Protein backbone atom coordinates (compact mmCIF):
# COMPACT_ATOMS: atom_id res chain seq x y z
CA MET A 1 13.64 -13.67 18.95
CA SER A 2 15.55 -16.89 18.27
CA ASP A 3 17.97 -17.30 15.37
CA THR A 4 15.46 -19.50 13.51
CA THR A 5 12.62 -16.98 13.66
CA ALA A 6 12.23 -15.00 10.47
CA PRO A 7 12.01 -11.22 10.86
CA GLU A 8 8.72 -9.49 10.16
CA PRO A 9 8.29 -8.50 6.48
CA GLY A 10 9.81 -5.09 5.88
CA ALA A 11 11.28 -4.84 9.35
CA PRO A 12 14.18 -2.40 9.52
CA GLY A 13 17.33 -4.04 8.26
CA THR A 14 15.55 -6.71 6.20
CA ASP A 15 15.61 -7.11 2.42
CA SER A 16 12.29 -6.24 0.78
CA THR A 17 12.91 -8.60 -2.16
CA ASP A 18 10.51 -11.14 -0.67
CA ASP A 19 7.88 -8.41 -0.26
CA ARG A 20 8.27 -7.37 -3.89
CA THR A 21 8.01 -10.96 -5.09
CA ALA A 22 4.89 -11.57 -3.00
CA LEU A 23 3.30 -8.40 -4.35
CA GLU A 24 3.31 -9.78 -7.87
CA SER A 25 0.80 -12.43 -6.80
CA LEU A 26 -1.12 -10.25 -4.32
CA VAL A 27 -1.87 -7.17 -6.43
CA ASP A 28 -4.10 -7.76 -9.44
CA GLU A 29 -3.57 -4.47 -11.26
CA TRP A 30 -0.87 -1.83 -11.18
CA LEU A 31 -0.95 1.72 -12.56
CA THR A 32 1.93 3.96 -13.58
CA LEU A 33 1.80 7.58 -12.46
CA PRO A 34 0.61 8.75 -15.91
CA ASP A 35 -2.16 6.13 -15.69
CA VAL A 36 -3.18 7.43 -12.25
CA ALA A 37 -3.18 11.00 -13.58
CA GLU A 38 -5.44 9.96 -16.45
CA VAL A 39 -7.90 8.17 -14.15
CA LEU A 40 -8.00 11.12 -11.74
CA GLY A 41 -8.20 13.68 -14.53
CA THR A 42 -5.13 15.57 -13.36
CA ASP A 43 -1.50 15.96 -14.36
CA VAL A 44 1.42 13.73 -13.43
CA SER A 45 3.06 16.37 -11.25
CA LYS A 46 0.01 16.40 -8.96
CA VAL A 47 0.15 12.59 -8.74
CA ARG A 48 3.85 12.81 -7.84
CA GLY A 49 2.77 15.19 -5.07
CA LEU A 50 0.32 12.56 -3.81
CA VAL A 51 3.21 10.09 -3.63
CA SER A 52 5.51 12.51 -1.81
CA GLU A 53 2.69 13.32 0.68
CA ARG A 54 2.24 9.55 1.25
CA THR A 55 -1.36 9.77 -0.01
CA LEU A 56 -0.27 7.10 -2.51
CA VAL A 57 2.43 4.49 -2.09
CA GLY A 58 4.00 2.20 -4.67
CA ILE A 59 7.16 0.51 -5.86
CA LYS A 60 9.33 0.32 -8.94
CA ARG A 61 8.43 -2.78 -10.91
CA GLY A 62 8.00 -4.28 -14.35
CA GLU A 63 10.30 -4.63 -17.31
CA ARG A 64 11.24 -0.95 -17.32
CA ASN A 65 11.37 -0.64 -13.52
CA THR A 66 8.76 2.13 -13.48
CA PHE A 67 7.12 3.42 -10.32
CA GLN A 68 3.63 1.93 -10.02
CA VAL A 69 0.80 1.91 -7.49
CA PRO A 70 -1.95 -0.66 -7.00
CA ALA A 71 -5.16 0.23 -8.85
CA ALA A 72 -7.08 -0.75 -5.70
CA PHE A 73 -5.96 2.57 -4.18
CA LEU A 74 -8.31 4.42 -6.52
CA VAL A 75 -12.04 4.41 -5.87
CA THR A 76 -15.09 6.09 -7.33
CA ASP A 77 -16.84 8.25 -4.78
CA ASP A 78 -19.84 10.39 -5.72
CA GLY A 79 -19.21 9.47 -9.36
CA ALA A 80 -15.67 10.84 -9.43
CA PRO A 81 -12.48 8.76 -9.25
CA GLN A 82 -10.20 9.60 -6.34
CA VAL A 83 -7.56 8.14 -4.04
CA LEU A 84 -8.97 6.05 -1.18
CA ARG A 85 -9.27 8.64 1.60
CA THR A 86 -8.26 6.34 4.45
CA LEU A 87 -5.08 5.14 2.76
CA ARG A 88 -2.73 7.97 3.79
CA GLY A 89 -3.32 7.63 7.54
CA THR A 90 -2.83 3.89 7.38
CA VAL A 91 0.37 4.27 5.35
CA LEU A 92 1.68 6.77 7.89
CA VAL A 93 0.99 4.38 10.79
CA LEU A 94 2.77 1.57 8.96
CA SER A 95 5.70 3.87 8.15
CA ASP A 96 5.95 4.77 11.84
CA VAL A 97 6.21 1.05 12.60
CA GLY A 98 9.29 1.00 10.35
CA LEU A 99 7.91 -0.77 7.29
CA ASP A 100 9.30 0.21 3.90
CA ASP A 101 6.96 0.79 0.96
CA ALA A 102 7.13 -2.78 -0.34
CA ALA A 103 6.33 -4.15 3.11
CA ILE A 104 3.49 -1.64 3.53
CA LEU A 105 1.96 -2.84 0.27
CA ARG A 106 2.40 -6.46 1.25
CA TRP A 107 0.72 -5.85 4.62
CA LEU A 108 -2.18 -4.09 2.93
CA PHE A 109 -2.78 -6.87 0.39
CA GLU A 110 -2.12 -10.04 2.41
CA THR A 111 -4.88 -11.51 4.53
CA GLU A 112 -4.46 -10.24 8.08
CA PRO A 113 -5.51 -13.07 10.45
CA SER A 114 -6.87 -10.76 13.15
CA ILE A 115 -9.16 -9.09 10.61
CA GLY A 116 -9.89 -12.15 8.49
CA ALA A 117 -9.32 -10.25 5.24
CA ALA A 118 -6.75 -8.13 3.45
CA PRO A 119 -6.54 -4.69 5.08
CA ILE A 120 -6.98 -2.95 1.70
CA ARG A 121 -10.29 -4.75 1.27
CA GLU A 122 -11.42 -3.56 4.68
CA LEU A 123 -10.31 0.02 4.00
CA ARG A 124 -12.26 0.02 0.75
CA ALA A 125 -15.29 -1.27 2.70
CA GLY A 126 -15.05 1.65 5.14
CA ARG A 127 -13.60 -0.24 8.11
CA ARG A 128 -10.72 2.14 8.77
CA ALA A 129 -10.77 1.91 12.58
CA GLU A 130 -10.25 -1.85 12.66
CA VAL A 131 -7.40 -1.71 10.14
CA ARG A 132 -5.65 1.11 11.98
CA ARG A 133 -6.07 -0.66 15.33
CA VAL A 134 -4.26 -3.71 13.95
CA ALA A 135 -1.60 -1.56 12.26
CA GLN A 136 -0.94 0.34 15.49
CA ALA A 137 -0.58 -2.95 17.36
CA LEU A 138 2.55 -3.57 15.26
CA LEU A 139 4.30 -0.75 17.16
């Protein structure tokens, strides 16, 4: 890599400030953990468990710097709201690549040229294999 080439977003040793700034324009709606708990019909401690298990990923943002996750991570399946099932595996692959949470979110919400759409859109449409193939290619 030459000195003029910018590092990949969220690469180890990079500042995720750019990722956080980009996320403000990429993610339409954010939910706090109490909001997620309300949507899922559970308590906040269970939602915190989902975050620690990497089933959900988010960042601290907003005026009060509260931890929030994109609303796009929640779907309605069989009439009941739940976390997008394919999210955790994809997040784990991206973590293995070395991306931090802000960079993971940015990768999920930006248009990926090799897919032609944002990976989160493809995951929500059931195209997990294609998204994971591209994510694994980052290794």
